[in-house]
C-alpha cells in the first residue's frame, strides 16, 4: 500500500513507534533482553558504552511503552530484573530482520559514506561557502 504525506503526520503510528524504538539504545537493549531477562548491571555490561543514566532512561521508556517488564524482588539489596513482555517479544522478528539486513549491507553503506565524503570535500574545495 502506497502512503501519502498525510499518513506521516505527527500523530502517525509509524512515526510514534519508530521515534521510541529507533533511538540510539532501545533496539540494543531489546536485543540484549531477547534471550532472557537480565539485571540492570548485566544489561550495562552487555552495552558498556551506554551510561547508567541513559540505560535507566531507556529501560523506563521501554517499560512505559510495554516492551519491557520490570520486576523488583524484596531482597537485600533489592534485585530488579528486566525482561521482554509479549509485545517486546513480538518485535524481535522485525528487529532480527533489520539486524540481518544491516549486517549484510554495512560494507555498502560505509563505502557510500566514504564516496559521499570525498565528493563533498571536492565540491567544497571547488566552491567554498563563505
N, C-alpha and C. Protein backbone atom coordinates (compact mmCIF):
# COMPACT_ATOMS: atom_id res chain seq x y z
N UNK A 1 0.84 -1.18 0.00
CA UNK A 1 0.00 0.00 0.00
C UNK A 1 0.88 1.25 0.00
N UNK A 2 0.64 2.12 -0.93
CA UNK A 2 1.38 3.38 -1.00
C UNK A 2 0.88 4.34 0.06
N UNK A 3 1.79 5.07 0.63
CA UNK A 3 1.44 6.04 1.67
C UNK A 3 1.51 7.44 1.08
N UNK A 4 0.68 8.30 1.58
CA UNK A 4 0.72 9.71 1.19
C UNK A 4 1.36 10.51 2.30
N UNK A 5 1.67 11.76 2.01
CA UNK A 5 2.27 12.62 3.03
C UNK A 5 1.41 12.70 4.27
N UNK A 6 0.11 12.70 4.10
CA UNK A 6 -0.79 12.81 5.25
C UNK A 6 -0.62 11.62 6.20
N UNK A 7 -0.20 10.48 5.68
CA UNK A 7 -0.01 9.31 6.52
C UNK A 7 1.13 9.49 7.52
N UNK A 8 2.02 10.42 7.29
CA UNK A 8 3.18 10.62 8.14
C UNK A 8 3.05 11.86 9.02
N UNK A 9 1.83 12.26 9.29
CA UNK A 9 1.58 13.38 10.18
C UNK A 9 2.14 13.05 11.57
N UNK A 10 2.34 14.05 12.43
CA UNK A 10 2.93 13.80 13.75
C UNK A 10 2.23 12.72 14.57
N UNK A 11 0.95 12.52 14.41
CA UNK A 11 0.23 11.50 15.17
C UNK A 11 0.29 10.12 14.51
N UNK A 12 1.06 10.00 13.44
CA UNK A 12 1.19 8.75 12.69
C UNK A 12 1.76 7.64 13.58
N UNK A 13 1.17 6.44 13.56
CA UNK A 13 1.69 5.33 14.37
C UNK A 13 3.11 4.94 14.00
N UNK A 14 3.47 5.04 12.73
CA UNK A 14 4.82 4.68 12.30
C UNK A 14 5.83 5.62 12.97
N UNK A 15 5.56 6.90 12.89
CA UNK A 15 6.45 7.89 13.48
C UNK A 15 6.53 7.70 15.00
N UNK A 16 5.39 7.47 15.62
CA UNK A 16 5.34 7.31 17.07
C UNK A 16 6.18 6.14 17.54
N UNK A 17 6.02 4.99 16.89
CA UNK A 17 6.76 3.79 17.31
C UNK A 17 8.24 3.91 16.96
N UNK A 18 8.56 4.34 15.74
CA UNK A 18 9.96 4.44 15.35
C UNK A 18 10.73 5.48 16.16
N UNK A 19 10.04 6.55 16.56
CA UNK A 19 10.70 7.54 17.42
C UNK A 19 11.13 6.89 18.74
N UNK A 20 10.35 5.96 19.23
CA UNK A 20 10.66 5.34 20.51
C UNK A 20 11.69 4.22 20.40
N UNK A 21 11.56 3.34 19.42
CA UNK A 21 12.50 2.21 19.34
C UNK A 21 13.69 2.50 18.44
N UNK A 22 13.65 3.63 17.74
CA UNK A 22 14.73 3.96 16.81
C UNK A 22 15.80 4.86 17.40
N UNK A 23 15.77 5.06 18.71
CA UNK A 23 16.82 5.89 19.31
C UNK A 23 18.11 5.09 19.39
N UNK A 24 19.13 5.68 19.96
CA UNK A 24 20.46 5.06 19.95
C UNK A 24 20.52 3.76 20.73
N UNK A 25 19.72 3.60 21.80
CA UNK A 25 19.91 2.47 22.70
C UNK A 25 18.77 1.47 22.75
N UNK A 26 17.55 1.85 22.43
CA UNK A 26 16.40 0.97 22.65
C UNK A 26 16.52 -0.37 21.94
N UNK A 27 16.86 -0.36 20.68
CA UNK A 27 16.96 -1.62 19.94
C UNK A 27 18.05 -2.51 20.52
N UNK A 28 19.17 -1.92 20.92
CA UNK A 28 20.25 -2.71 21.51
C UNK A 28 19.83 -3.30 22.85
N UNK A 29 19.09 -2.54 23.65
CA UNK A 29 18.59 -3.07 24.92
C UNK A 29 17.62 -4.21 24.66
N UNK A 30 16.72 -4.02 23.71
CA UNK A 30 15.77 -5.09 23.39
C UNK A 30 16.50 -6.35 22.93
N UNK A 31 17.50 -6.19 22.09
CA UNK A 31 18.28 -7.35 21.64
C UNK A 31 19.00 -8.03 22.81
N UNK A 32 19.46 -7.24 23.76
CA UNK A 32 20.14 -7.79 24.94
C UNK A 32 19.18 -8.63 25.78
N UNK A 33 17.91 -8.24 25.79
CA UNK A 33 16.91 -8.96 26.58
C UNK A 33 16.23 -10.08 25.79
N UNK A 34 16.58 -10.24 24.53
CA UNK A 34 15.88 -11.19 23.67
C UNK A 34 16.00 -12.63 24.15
N UNK A 35 17.14 -13.02 24.65
CA UNK A 35 17.35 -14.42 25.07
C UNK A 35 16.77 -14.72 26.44
N UNK A 36 16.94 -13.76 27.36
CA UNK A 36 16.47 -13.98 28.73
C UNK A 36 16.41 -12.66 29.46
N UNK A 37 15.70 -12.65 30.58
CA UNK A 37 15.67 -11.48 31.43
C UNK A 37 17.04 -11.22 32.02
N UNK A 38 17.29 -9.97 32.36
CA UNK A 38 18.60 -9.60 32.91
C UNK A 38 18.44 -8.52 33.97
N UNK A 39 19.43 -8.46 34.82
CA UNK A 39 19.51 -7.38 35.79
C UNK A 39 20.15 -6.17 35.12
N UNK A 40 19.97 -5.00 35.76
CA UNK A 40 20.47 -3.75 35.21
C UNK A 40 21.95 -3.84 34.86
N UNK A 41 22.76 -4.31 35.80
CA UNK A 41 24.20 -4.35 35.57
C UNK A 41 24.58 -5.34 34.47
N UNK A 42 23.81 -6.39 34.29
CA UNK A 42 24.07 -7.33 33.19
C UNK A 42 23.83 -6.65 31.84
N UNK A 43 22.78 -5.85 31.79
CA UNK A 43 22.50 -5.11 30.55
C UNK A 43 23.62 -4.10 30.30
N UNK A 44 24.05 -3.42 31.36
CA UNK A 44 25.11 -2.43 31.18
C UNK A 44 26.43 -3.09 30.76
N UNK A 45 26.72 -4.26 31.29
CA UNK A 45 27.94 -4.95 30.85
C UNK A 45 27.85 -5.36 29.39
N UNK A 46 26.66 -5.70 28.93
CA UNK A 46 26.48 -6.07 27.53
C UNK A 46 26.60 -4.86 26.60
N UNK A 47 26.32 -3.67 27.15
CA UNK A 47 26.39 -2.42 26.37
C UNK A 47 27.29 -1.43 27.12
N UNK A 48 28.59 -1.68 27.14
CA UNK A 48 29.48 -0.90 28.00
C UNK A 48 29.57 0.59 27.68
N UNK A 49 29.19 1.00 26.49
CA UNK A 49 29.30 2.41 26.15
C UNK A 49 28.04 3.22 26.48
N UNK A 50 27.02 2.60 27.06
CA UNK A 50 25.84 3.35 27.50
C UNK A 50 26.06 3.77 28.95
N UNK A 51 25.72 5.01 29.26
CA UNK A 51 25.85 5.48 30.64
C UNK A 51 24.73 4.89 31.49
N UNK A 52 24.95 4.84 32.78
CA UNK A 52 23.92 4.33 33.70
C UNK A 52 22.64 5.14 33.56
N UNK A 53 22.79 6.45 33.49
CA UNK A 53 21.63 7.33 33.38
C UNK A 53 20.84 7.05 32.10
N UNK A 54 21.55 6.94 30.98
CA UNK A 54 20.88 6.70 29.70
C UNK A 54 20.23 5.32 29.68
N UNK A 55 20.90 4.32 30.25
CA UNK A 55 20.31 2.98 30.30
C UNK A 55 19.04 2.99 31.14
N UNK A 56 19.07 3.65 32.29
CA UNK A 56 17.88 3.73 33.15
C UNK A 56 16.74 4.43 32.41
N UNK A 57 17.06 5.51 31.72
CA UNK A 57 16.05 6.25 30.96
C UNK A 57 15.47 5.38 29.84
N UNK A 58 16.33 4.66 29.15
CA UNK A 58 15.88 3.80 28.05
C UNK A 58 14.99 2.69 28.58
N UNK A 59 15.38 2.05 29.66
CA UNK A 59 14.56 0.99 30.25
C UNK A 59 13.20 1.53 30.70
N UNK A 60 13.18 2.72 31.29
CA UNK A 60 11.89 3.31 31.70
C UNK A 60 10.99 3.54 30.50
N UNK A 61 11.56 4.06 29.42
CA UNK A 61 10.75 4.31 28.21
C UNK A 61 10.24 3.01 27.61
N UNK A 62 11.09 1.99 27.57
CA UNK A 62 10.65 0.70 27.03
C UNK A 62 9.58 0.07 27.92
N UNK A 63 9.70 0.27 29.22
CA UNK A 63 8.66 -0.22 30.14
C UNK A 63 7.37 0.58 29.94
N UNK A 64 7.49 1.88 29.81
CA UNK A 64 6.33 2.75 29.58
C UNK A 64 5.55 2.32 28.34
N UNK A 65 6.27 1.95 27.29
CA UNK A 65 5.64 1.55 26.04
C UNK A 65 5.18 0.10 26.03
N UNK A 66 5.49 -0.65 27.09
CA UNK A 66 5.01 -2.03 27.19
C UNK A 66 5.92 -3.07 26.56
N UNK A 67 7.14 -2.69 26.18
CA UNK A 67 8.07 -3.65 25.57
C UNK A 67 8.85 -4.44 26.62
N UNK A 68 9.03 -3.85 27.79
CA UNK A 68 9.88 -4.44 28.83
C UNK A 68 9.10 -4.44 30.14
N UNK A 69 9.28 -5.51 30.91
CA UNK A 69 8.72 -5.55 32.27
C UNK A 69 9.86 -5.39 33.27
N UNK A 70 9.53 -4.83 34.40
CA UNK A 70 10.48 -4.60 35.48
C UNK A 70 9.93 -5.28 36.72
N UNK A 71 10.71 -6.19 37.28
CA UNK A 71 10.28 -6.92 38.47
C UNK A 71 11.26 -6.65 39.60
N UNK A 72 10.74 -6.13 40.71
CA UNK A 72 11.56 -5.84 41.88
C UNK A 72 11.37 -6.98 42.88
N UNK A 73 12.48 -7.58 43.30
CA UNK A 73 12.46 -8.66 44.29
C UNK A 73 12.83 -8.08 45.64
N UNK A 74 12.06 -8.43 46.66
CA UNK A 74 12.29 -7.91 48.01
C UNK A 74 13.43 -8.65 48.68
N UNK A 75 14.64 -8.34 48.26
CA UNK A 75 15.84 -8.92 48.85
C UNK A 75 16.73 -7.79 49.32
N UNK A 76 17.77 -8.13 50.04
CA UNK A 76 18.74 -7.12 50.47
C UNK A 76 20.08 -7.46 49.83
N UNK A 77 20.62 -6.64 48.96
CA UNK A 77 19.98 -5.45 48.40
C UNK A 77 18.85 -5.84 47.44
N UNK A 78 17.98 -4.88 47.13
CA UNK A 78 16.88 -5.20 46.21
C UNK A 78 17.41 -5.68 44.86
N UNK A 79 16.72 -6.62 44.30
CA UNK A 79 17.08 -7.14 42.98
C UNK A 79 15.99 -6.72 42.00
N UNK A 80 16.41 -6.17 40.86
CA UNK A 80 15.48 -5.74 39.83
C UNK A 80 15.82 -6.48 38.54
N UNK A 81 14.84 -7.17 38.00
CA UNK A 81 15.02 -7.88 36.74
C UNK A 81 14.21 -7.22 35.64
N UNK A 82 14.78 -7.20 34.45
CA UNK A 82 14.10 -6.69 33.27
C UNK A 82 13.94 -7.82 32.28
N UNK A 83 12.80 -7.87 31.61
CA UNK A 83 12.54 -8.92 30.62
C UNK A 83 11.62 -8.36 29.54
N UNK A 84 11.64 -9.00 28.41
CA UNK A 84 10.71 -8.62 27.34
C UNK A 84 9.31 -9.06 27.72
N UNK A 85 8.35 -8.24 27.40
CA UNK A 85 6.94 -8.60 27.52
C UNK A 85 6.54 -9.33 26.23
N UNK A 86 5.33 -9.87 26.17
CA UNK A 86 4.89 -10.43 24.89
C UNK A 86 4.96 -9.43 23.74
N UNK A 87 4.66 -8.16 24.03
CA UNK A 87 4.77 -7.13 22.98
C UNK A 87 6.22 -6.98 22.54
N UNK A 88 7.14 -6.94 23.50
CA UNK A 88 8.57 -6.86 23.18
C UNK A 88 9.04 -8.06 22.39
N UNK A 89 8.57 -9.24 22.77
CA UNK A 89 8.94 -10.46 22.04
C UNK A 89 8.42 -10.42 20.61
N UNK A 90 7.23 -9.83 20.42
CA UNK A 90 6.66 -9.75 19.07
C UNK A 90 7.47 -8.83 18.17
N UNK A 91 8.26 -7.96 18.76
CA UNK A 91 9.09 -7.04 17.99
C UNK A 91 10.42 -7.66 17.57
N UNK A 92 10.78 -8.79 18.14
CA UNK A 92 12.08 -9.39 17.87
C UNK A 92 12.24 -9.87 16.43
N UNK A 93 11.23 -10.43 15.82
CA UNK A 93 11.36 -10.87 14.42
C UNK A 93 11.70 -9.70 13.49
N UNK A 94 10.94 -8.58 13.55
CA UNK A 94 11.31 -7.45 12.69
C UNK A 94 12.70 -6.90 13.03
N UNK A 95 13.05 -6.85 14.30
CA UNK A 95 14.38 -6.34 14.67
C UNK A 95 15.46 -7.28 14.15
N UNK A 96 15.27 -8.58 14.27
CA UNK A 96 16.26 -9.54 13.78
C UNK A 96 16.41 -9.42 12.26
N UNK A 97 15.31 -9.16 11.57
CA UNK A 97 15.38 -8.94 10.13
C UNK A 97 16.22 -7.70 9.83
N UNK A 98 15.99 -6.63 10.57
CA UNK A 98 16.77 -5.41 10.38
C UNK A 98 18.24 -5.63 10.71
N UNK A 99 18.53 -6.37 11.78
CA UNK A 99 19.91 -6.68 12.15
C UNK A 99 20.60 -7.45 11.02
N UNK A 100 19.91 -8.44 10.47
CA UNK A 100 20.47 -9.20 9.35
C UNK A 100 20.73 -8.33 8.14
N UNK A 101 19.77 -7.46 7.83
CA UNK A 101 19.94 -6.56 6.68
C UNK A 101 21.13 -5.64 6.92
N UNK A 102 21.22 -5.06 8.13
CA UNK A 102 22.33 -4.15 8.45
C UNK A 102 23.67 -4.86 8.34
N UNK A 103 23.74 -6.09 8.82
CA UNK A 103 24.97 -6.86 8.75
C UNK A 103 25.35 -7.13 7.30
N UNK A 104 24.37 -7.52 6.50
CA UNK A 104 24.63 -7.84 5.09
C UNK A 104 25.03 -6.61 4.27
N UNK A 105 24.54 -5.44 4.62
CA UNK A 105 24.74 -4.25 3.80
C UNK A 105 25.66 -3.20 4.42
N UNK A 106 26.21 -3.47 5.58
CA UNK A 106 27.03 -2.48 6.27
C UNK A 106 28.21 -2.02 5.42
N UNK A 107 28.87 -2.94 4.76
CA UNK A 107 30.03 -2.57 3.94
C UNK A 107 29.62 -1.64 2.79
N UNK A 108 28.45 -1.85 2.23
CA UNK A 108 27.98 -0.99 1.13
C UNK A 108 27.69 0.41 1.66
N UNK A 109 27.08 0.49 2.82
CA UNK A 109 26.75 1.78 3.42
C UNK A 109 28.04 2.54 3.77
N UNK A 110 28.99 1.86 4.36
CA UNK A 110 30.27 2.52 4.71
C UNK A 110 30.97 3.02 3.45
N UNK A 111 30.92 2.25 2.39
CA UNK A 111 31.53 2.67 1.13
C UNK A 111 30.81 3.91 0.57
N UNK A 112 29.50 3.91 0.64
CA UNK A 112 28.73 5.07 0.15
C UNK A 112 29.07 6.31 0.97
N UNK A 113 29.26 6.16 2.26
CA UNK A 113 29.64 7.31 3.10
C UNK A 113 30.99 7.87 2.70
N UNK A 114 31.95 6.97 2.43
CA UNK A 114 33.28 7.43 2.01
C UNK A 114 33.20 8.17 0.68
N UNK A 115 32.44 7.62 -0.25
CA UNK A 115 32.27 8.25 -1.55
C UNK A 115 31.63 9.63 -1.40
N UNK A 116 30.60 9.71 -0.57
CA UNK A 116 29.92 10.97 -0.34
C UNK A 116 30.87 11.99 0.28
N UNK A 117 31.64 11.58 1.30
CA UNK A 117 32.56 12.49 1.98
C UNK A 117 33.61 13.02 1.00
N UNK A 118 34.14 12.16 0.14
CA UNK A 118 35.14 12.60 -0.84
C UNK A 118 34.52 13.58 -1.83
N UNK A 119 33.31 13.30 -2.28
CA UNK A 119 32.63 14.19 -3.23
C UNK A 119 32.31 15.53 -2.56
N UNK A 120 31.86 15.49 -1.32
CA UNK A 120 31.54 16.73 -0.60
C UNK A 120 32.80 17.57 -0.40
N UNK A 121 33.91 16.92 -0.12
CA UNK A 121 35.17 17.64 0.06
C UNK A 121 35.59 18.32 -1.25
N UNK A 122 35.48 17.58 -2.37
CA UNK A 122 35.81 18.15 -3.68
C UNK A 122 34.90 19.32 -4.00
N UNK A 123 33.61 19.15 -3.75
CA UNK A 123 32.66 20.23 -4.03
C UNK A 123 32.99 21.47 -3.21
N UNK A 124 33.35 21.28 -1.95
CA UNK A 124 33.68 22.41 -1.09
C UNK A 124 34.95 23.10 -1.55
N UNK A 125 35.94 22.30 -1.96
CA UNK A 125 37.21 22.90 -2.43
C UNK A 125 36.99 23.71 -3.71
N UNK A 126 36.09 23.25 -4.57
CA UNK A 126 35.79 23.99 -5.79
C UNK A 126 34.92 25.20 -5.53
N UNK A 127 34.04 25.10 -4.58
CA UNK A 127 33.05 26.13 -4.35
C UNK A 127 32.87 26.33 -2.84
N UNK A 128 33.85 26.93 -2.15
CA UNK A 128 33.74 27.09 -0.70
C UNK A 128 32.61 28.03 -0.33
N UNK A 129 31.94 27.68 0.74
CA UNK A 129 30.86 28.52 1.24
C UNK A 129 31.46 29.54 2.19
N UNK A 130 31.09 30.78 2.02
CA UNK A 130 31.65 31.84 2.85
C UNK A 130 30.92 31.93 4.16
